[in-house]
Amino acid sequence: MISVLFLWPIGVRKAHDAATAVIAAPIAVEIASRLNVNPDPFLMGVAVAASCAFLTPIGHKNNTLIMGPGGYQFGDYWRMGLPLEIIIIAVSVPTILVVWPL
């Protein structure tokens, strides 16, 4: 599940978060079924990962809107977004596993 949360936001940079969630959900269910565990935590991991669009201005329309007026550069998103994504993963994994056990 950590890999779903950590690797899937890379796909969010290329497309809208809803589109990546639609693509990732069947993959997450297949991973859970092959591991013979409950797919709910994996699907929640996909939902959280799809909403983590902090690393580039392309990931979410709000990031793009504030780039020009705020004077942000492309690298500013990595500098602030990477620690935020690490915090979200560190909090999300235990919380998801407590609320939706495997």
Protein backbone atom coordinates (compact mmCIF):
# COMPACT_ATOMS: atom_id res chain seq x y z
CA MET A 1 0.00 0.00 0.00
CA ILE A 2 2.91 2.33 0.65
CA SER A 3 3.99 1.87 -2.96
CA VAL A 4 0.50 2.83 -4.14
CA LEU A 5 0.65 6.01 -2.06
CA PHE A 6 4.22 6.83 -3.00
CA LEU A 7 4.39 5.88 -6.67
CA TRP A 8 0.93 6.72 -7.92
CA PRO A 9 1.15 10.51 -7.41
CA ILE A 10 3.72 10.45 -10.22
CA GLY A 11 0.80 9.69 -12.54
CA VAL A 12 -1.10 12.68 -11.18
CA ARG A 13 1.53 14.96 -12.70
CA LYS A 14 0.56 13.79 -16.18
CA ALA A 15 -3.24 13.88 -15.93
CA HIS A 16 -6.08 15.08 -13.73
CA ASP A 17 -6.43 13.41 -10.34
CA ALA A 18 -9.82 11.87 -11.20
CA ALA A 19 -8.42 10.29 -14.37
CA THR A 20 -5.48 8.79 -12.52
CA ALA A 21 -7.78 7.44 -9.81
CA VAL A 22 -9.94 5.74 -12.44
CA ILE A 23 -6.83 4.11 -13.91
CA ALA A 24 -5.28 3.19 -10.56
CA ALA A 25 -8.37 1.71 -8.87
CA PRO A 26 -8.47 -1.54 -10.88
CA ILE A 27 -4.71 -1.93 -10.46
CA ALA A 28 -5.05 -1.51 -6.69
CA VAL A 29 -7.88 -4.04 -6.54
CA GLU A 30 -5.81 -6.53 -8.56
CA ILE A 31 -2.80 -6.08 -6.25
CA ALA A 32 -5.03 -6.65 -3.21
CA SER A 33 -6.63 -9.74 -4.74
CA ARG A 34 -3.24 -11.26 -5.59
CA LEU A 35 -2.13 -10.63 -2.01
CA ASN A 36 -5.45 -12.07 -0.72
CA VAL A 37 -6.18 -8.99 1.39
CA ASN A 38 -9.02 -6.51 1.67
CA PRO A 39 -8.97 -4.08 -1.30
CA ASP A 40 -10.47 -1.18 0.70
CA PRO A 41 -7.17 0.12 2.12
CA PHE A 42 -5.63 -0.01 -1.34
CA LEU A 43 -8.53 1.95 -2.81
CA MET A 44 -8.25 4.53 -0.06
CA GLY A 45 -4.54 4.75 -0.82
CA VAL A 46 -5.42 5.49 -4.44
CA ALA A 47 -7.86 8.19 -3.34
CA VAL A 48 -5.27 9.86 -1.11
CA ALA A 49 -2.50 9.52 -3.71
CA ALA A 50 -4.71 10.98 -6.44
CA SER A 51 -5.27 14.08 -4.36
CA CYS A 52 -1.53 14.63 -3.72
CA ALA A 53 -0.68 16.93 -6.60
CA PHE A 54 1.94 19.08 -4.93
CA LEU A 55 5.12 18.39 -6.89
CA THR A 56 4.44 20.29 -10.11
CA PRO A 57 2.21 23.11 -11.32
CA ILE A 58 0.75 20.65 -13.83
CA GLY A 59 -0.72 18.34 -11.19
CA HIS A 60 -3.69 20.53 -10.27
CA LYS A 61 -5.30 23.56 -11.83
CA ASN A 62 -4.89 25.60 -8.64
CA ASN A 63 -1.13 25.07 -8.77
CA THR A 64 -1.10 26.44 -12.30
CA LEU A 65 -3.28 29.43 -11.40
CA ILE A 66 -0.99 30.64 -8.62
CA MET A 67 2.29 30.05 -10.46
CA GLY A 68 2.27 33.31 -12.44
CA PRO A 69 0.80 35.75 -9.89
CA GLY A 70 2.82 34.23 -7.05
CA GLY A 71 6.07 34.35 -8.99
CA TYR A 72 6.72 30.67 -8.41
CA GLN A 73 9.22 28.67 -10.45
CA PHE A 74 8.82 25.00 -11.37
CA GLY A 75 11.35 23.94 -8.72
CA ASP A 76 9.46 25.73 -5.94
CA TYR A 77 6.77 23.07 -6.13
CA TRP A 78 9.32 20.31 -5.47
CA ARG A 79 10.90 22.20 -2.59
CA MET A 80 7.59 22.62 -0.77
CA GLY A 81 5.61 19.71 -2.22
CA LEU A 82 7.99 16.85 -1.46
CA PRO A 83 8.01 17.36 2.34
CA LEU A 84 4.24 17.75 2.24
CA GLU A 85 3.81 14.49 0.32
CA ILE A 86 6.13 12.68 2.75
CA ILE A 87 4.05 13.94 5.68
CA ILE A 88 0.83 12.88 3.98
CA ILE A 89 2.19 9.39 3.32
CA ALA A 90 3.51 9.09 6.89
CA VAL A 91 0.11 10.01 8.30
CA SER A 92 -2.09 8.27 5.71
CA VAL A 93 -0.60 4.78 5.80
CA PRO A 94 -1.14 4.13 9.53
CA THR A 95 -4.52 5.89 9.51
CA ILE A 96 -5.79 3.90 6.53
CA LEU A 97 -4.57 0.64 8.06
CA VAL A 98 -6.31 1.39 11.35
CA VAL A 99 -9.62 2.44 9.79
CA TRP A 100 -9.60 -0.13 6.96
CA PRO A 101 -7.57 -3.13 8.16
CA LEU A 102 -6.10 -5.57 5.68
